[in-house]
C-alpha cells in the first residue's frame, strides 16, 4: 500500500489498522518520492504467542519437542514464555 503524507494525515487510523490487521507494509510518499515506511512490528507478545499456539492440535511427540525447544531457548536467552 502506498499513501501520500496528506492521505496519512487524514486517514492515519485506517492506515495503521491495515498494518496491524493485515500485516501490510505502507510506503509513505511526499512530493512523489518515498520518505517513510510503516510496517508491522517484528515479534509478538506472550499473549499473542499463547493464543496462536493454543489453536494448534499438537501430538504428544510435538508437545515434547516444543517443550525441549523452549527449555533450550530459556537456557540461552532466559525466559522463553514458559511458566
N, C-alpha and C. Protein backbone atom coordinates (compact mmCIF):
# COMPACT_ATOMS: atom_id res chain seq x y z
N UNK A 1 0.85 -1.17 0.00
CA UNK A 1 0.00 0.00 0.00
C UNK A 1 0.90 1.23 0.00
N UNK A 2 0.51 2.22 -0.77
CA UNK A 2 1.25 3.49 -0.83
C UNK A 2 0.29 4.62 -0.52
N UNK A 3 0.71 5.54 0.34
CA UNK A 3 -0.09 6.72 0.67
C UNK A 3 0.80 7.95 0.60
N UNK A 4 0.17 9.08 0.38
CA UNK A 4 0.91 10.34 0.45
C UNK A 4 0.90 10.81 1.91
N UNK A 5 1.75 11.76 2.21
CA UNK A 5 1.76 12.30 3.57
C UNK A 5 0.42 12.96 3.90
N UNK A 6 -0.22 13.55 2.91
CA UNK A 6 -1.53 14.17 3.12
C UNK A 6 -2.58 13.11 3.45
N UNK A 7 -2.58 12.00 2.68
CA UNK A 7 -3.51 10.90 2.96
C UNK A 7 -3.26 10.31 4.34
N UNK A 8 -1.98 10.15 4.70
CA UNK A 8 -1.65 9.62 6.01
C UNK A 8 -2.17 10.53 7.12
N UNK A 9 -2.02 11.83 6.93
CA UNK A 9 -2.51 12.78 7.94
C UNK A 9 -4.03 12.70 8.08
N UNK A 10 -4.74 12.54 6.98
CA UNK A 10 -6.20 12.49 7.01
C UNK A 10 -6.75 11.14 7.46
N UNK A 11 -6.04 10.07 7.14
CA UNK A 11 -6.58 8.72 7.35
C UNK A 11 -5.62 7.83 8.14
N UNK A 12 -4.94 8.40 9.11
CA UNK A 12 -3.91 7.63 9.84
C UNK A 12 -4.48 6.40 10.53
N UNK A 13 -5.67 6.47 11.10
CA UNK A 13 -6.26 5.30 11.76
C UNK A 13 -6.48 4.17 10.77
N UNK A 14 -7.03 4.47 9.61
CA UNK A 14 -7.26 3.45 8.59
C UNK A 14 -5.95 2.81 8.14
N UNK A 15 -4.93 3.63 7.94
CA UNK A 15 -3.62 3.14 7.51
C UNK A 15 -3.02 2.22 8.58
N UNK A 16 -3.03 2.68 9.82
CA UNK A 16 -2.47 1.87 10.92
C UNK A 16 -3.26 0.57 11.07
N UNK A 17 -4.59 0.63 10.93
CA UNK A 17 -5.40 -0.60 11.00
C UNK A 17 -4.99 -1.60 9.93
N UNK A 18 -4.69 -1.12 8.73
CA UNK A 18 -4.23 -2.02 7.66
C UNK A 18 -2.92 -2.70 8.04
N UNK A 19 -2.03 -1.95 8.65
CA UNK A 19 -0.74 -2.51 9.07
C UNK A 19 -0.96 -3.55 10.16
N UNK A 20 -1.76 -3.21 11.15
CA UNK A 20 -1.97 -4.10 12.29
C UNK A 20 -2.78 -5.33 11.90
N UNK A 21 -3.92 -5.12 11.23
CA UNK A 21 -4.85 -6.22 10.98
C UNK A 21 -4.50 -7.08 9.78
N UNK A 22 -3.77 -6.53 8.82
CA UNK A 22 -3.48 -7.28 7.60
C UNK A 22 -1.99 -7.45 7.34
N UNK A 23 -1.16 -6.92 8.24
CA UNK A 23 0.28 -7.08 8.08
C UNK A 23 0.85 -6.33 6.89
N UNK A 24 0.13 -5.35 6.41
CA UNK A 24 0.60 -4.60 5.24
C UNK A 24 1.78 -3.70 5.58
N UNK A 25 2.64 -3.52 4.61
CA UNK A 25 3.71 -2.53 4.70
C UNK A 25 3.23 -1.32 3.89
N UNK A 26 3.30 -0.14 4.50
CA UNK A 26 2.80 1.07 3.86
C UNK A 26 3.99 1.97 3.51
N UNK A 27 4.06 2.32 2.24
CA UNK A 27 5.07 3.28 1.78
C UNK A 27 4.44 4.67 1.85
N UNK A 28 5.16 5.62 2.44
CA UNK A 28 4.67 6.99 2.54
C UNK A 28 5.47 7.84 1.57
N UNK A 29 4.74 8.56 0.72
CA UNK A 29 5.39 9.38 -0.31
C UNK A 29 5.06 10.85 -0.10
N UNK A 30 6.04 11.70 -0.37
CA UNK A 30 5.85 13.15 -0.29
C UNK A 30 6.50 13.76 -1.53
N UNK A 31 5.75 14.58 -2.22
CA UNK A 31 6.25 15.21 -3.46
C UNK A 31 6.79 14.18 -4.43
N UNK A 32 6.12 13.02 -4.50
CA UNK A 32 6.48 12.00 -5.47
C UNK A 32 7.63 11.09 -5.09
N UNK A 33 8.21 11.30 -3.91
CA UNK A 33 9.33 10.40 -3.53
C UNK A 33 9.03 9.72 -2.21
N UNK A 34 9.57 8.53 -2.07
CA UNK A 34 9.36 7.73 -0.87
C UNK A 34 10.13 8.34 0.29
N UNK A 35 9.40 8.59 1.41
CA UNK A 35 10.05 9.23 2.56
C UNK A 35 10.00 8.38 3.83
N UNK A 36 9.11 7.39 3.86
CA UNK A 36 9.00 6.56 5.06
C UNK A 36 8.29 5.26 4.72
N UNK A 37 8.38 4.34 5.67
CA UNK A 37 7.70 3.07 5.53
C UNK A 37 7.12 2.70 6.89
N UNK A 38 5.88 2.24 6.91
CA UNK A 38 5.25 1.79 8.14
C UNK A 38 5.02 0.29 7.99
N UNK A 39 5.53 -0.47 8.95
CA UNK A 39 5.41 -1.92 8.86
C UNK A 39 5.06 -2.50 10.21
N UNK A 40 4.51 -3.72 10.21
CA UNK A 40 4.21 -4.34 11.49
C UNK A 40 5.48 -4.53 12.31
N UNK A 41 5.34 -4.41 13.60
CA UNK A 41 6.45 -4.64 14.50
C UNK A 41 6.83 -6.12 14.46
N UNK A 42 8.12 -6.38 14.45
CA UNK A 42 8.61 -7.75 14.45
C UNK A 42 8.48 -8.32 15.85
N UNK A 43 8.05 -9.55 15.93
CA UNK A 43 7.92 -10.20 17.23
C UNK A 43 6.46 -10.28 17.65
N UNK A 44 6.24 -10.80 18.81
CA UNK A 44 4.89 -10.99 19.30
C UNK A 44 4.89 -10.92 20.82
N UNK A 45 3.74 -10.64 21.36
CA UNK A 45 3.64 -10.64 22.82
C UNK A 45 3.43 -12.07 23.30
N UNK A 46 3.63 -12.28 24.58
CA UNK A 46 3.44 -13.61 25.16
C UNK A 46 1.99 -14.05 24.97
N UNK A 47 1.03 -13.14 25.16
CA UNK A 47 -0.38 -13.47 25.00
C UNK A 47 -0.69 -13.88 23.56
N UNK A 48 -0.14 -13.15 22.59
CA UNK A 48 -0.37 -13.50 21.19
C UNK A 48 0.22 -14.87 20.87
N UNK A 49 1.42 -15.13 21.37
CA UNK A 49 2.06 -16.42 21.12
C UNK A 49 1.25 -17.55 21.73
N UNK A 50 0.78 -17.39 22.96
CA UNK A 50 -0.02 -18.43 23.60
C UNK A 50 -1.34 -18.66 22.85
N UNK A 51 -1.95 -17.58 22.36
CA UNK A 51 -3.18 -17.71 21.59
C UNK A 51 -2.94 -18.49 20.30
N UNK A 52 -1.86 -18.18 19.61
CA UNK A 52 -1.52 -18.87 18.36
C UNK A 52 -1.22 -20.34 18.62
N UNK A 53 -0.37 -20.60 19.62
CA UNK A 53 0.00 -21.98 19.92
C UNK A 53 -1.19 -22.78 20.44
N UNK A 54 -2.11 -22.11 21.13
CA UNK A 54 -3.29 -22.79 21.67
C UNK A 54 -4.25 -23.28 20.61
N UNK A 55 -4.18 -22.73 19.42
CA UNK A 55 -5.07 -23.14 18.32
C UNK A 55 -4.57 -24.41 17.62
N UNK A 56 -3.34 -24.77 17.87
CA UNK A 56 -2.74 -25.91 17.17
C UNK A 56 -3.05 -27.20 17.93
N UNK A 57 -3.43 -28.21 17.21
CA UNK A 57 -3.66 -29.52 17.81
C UNK A 57 -2.34 -30.30 17.78
N UNK A 58 -1.63 -30.25 18.90
CA UNK A 58 -0.30 -30.87 19.00
C UNK A 58 -0.42 -32.36 19.29
N UNK A 59 0.45 -33.15 18.65
CA UNK A 59 0.58 -34.55 19.03
C UNK A 59 1.45 -34.58 20.28
N UNK A 60 1.47 -35.72 20.97
CA UNK A 60 2.33 -35.84 22.16
C UNK A 60 3.79 -35.61 21.79
N UNK A 61 4.22 -36.17 20.67
CA UNK A 61 5.62 -36.01 20.23
C UNK A 61 5.93 -34.54 19.95
N UNK A 62 5.00 -33.83 19.30
CA UNK A 62 5.21 -32.40 19.01
C UNK A 62 5.27 -31.59 20.30
N UNK A 63 4.41 -31.92 21.25
CA UNK A 63 4.41 -31.22 22.54
C UNK A 63 5.75 -31.40 23.24
N UNK A 64 6.28 -32.61 23.24
CA UNK A 64 7.59 -32.86 23.87
C UNK A 64 8.69 -32.09 23.14
N UNK A 65 8.64 -32.09 21.80
CA UNK A 65 9.65 -31.38 21.02
C UNK A 65 9.59 -29.87 21.28
N UNK A 66 8.38 -29.32 21.36
CA UNK A 66 8.22 -27.90 21.65
C UNK A 66 8.76 -27.57 23.04
N UNK A 67 8.45 -28.39 24.02
CA UNK A 67 8.94 -28.17 25.38
C UNK A 67 10.47 -28.19 25.40
N UNK A 68 11.08 -29.15 24.69
CA UNK A 68 12.55 -29.22 24.64
C UNK A 68 13.12 -27.97 23.98
N UNK A 69 12.49 -27.51 22.93
CA UNK A 69 12.98 -26.31 22.23
C UNK A 69 12.87 -25.09 23.13
N UNK A 70 11.76 -24.97 23.86
CA UNK A 70 11.59 -23.83 24.75
C UNK A 70 12.57 -23.89 25.92
N UNK A 71 12.82 -25.09 26.44
CA UNK A 71 13.82 -25.25 27.50
C UNK A 71 15.20 -24.83 27.01
N UNK A 72 15.53 -25.23 25.78
CA UNK A 72 16.84 -24.87 25.21
C UNK A 72 16.93 -23.36 25.01
N UNK A 73 15.85 -22.75 24.53
CA UNK A 73 15.84 -21.29 24.34
C UNK A 73 15.98 -20.58 25.67
N UNK A 74 15.30 -21.10 26.71
CA UNK A 74 15.40 -20.49 28.04
C UNK A 74 16.83 -20.54 28.56
N UNK A 75 17.51 -21.63 28.28
CA UNK A 75 18.90 -21.77 28.73
C UNK A 75 19.81 -20.74 28.07
N UNK A 76 19.48 -20.35 26.84
CA UNK A 76 20.32 -19.43 26.08
C UNK A 76 19.95 -17.96 26.37
N UNK A 77 18.64 -17.64 26.34
CA UNK A 77 18.23 -16.24 26.43
C UNK A 77 17.41 -15.92 27.67
N UNK A 78 17.23 -16.86 28.53
CA UNK A 78 16.39 -16.62 29.71
C UNK A 78 14.97 -17.01 29.44
N UNK A 79 14.03 -16.35 30.10
CA UNK A 79 12.61 -16.68 29.99
C UNK A 79 12.18 -16.75 28.53
N UNK A 80 11.54 -17.86 28.15
CA UNK A 80 11.09 -18.04 26.77
C UNK A 80 9.60 -18.37 26.70
N UNK A 81 8.82 -17.77 27.57
CA UNK A 81 7.39 -17.94 27.51
C UNK A 81 6.83 -19.08 28.34
N UNK A 82 7.64 -19.76 29.11
CA UNK A 82 7.15 -20.87 29.94
C UNK A 82 6.89 -20.39 31.35
N UNK A 83 5.85 -20.90 31.94
CA UNK A 83 5.54 -20.55 33.34
C UNK A 83 6.29 -21.45 34.29
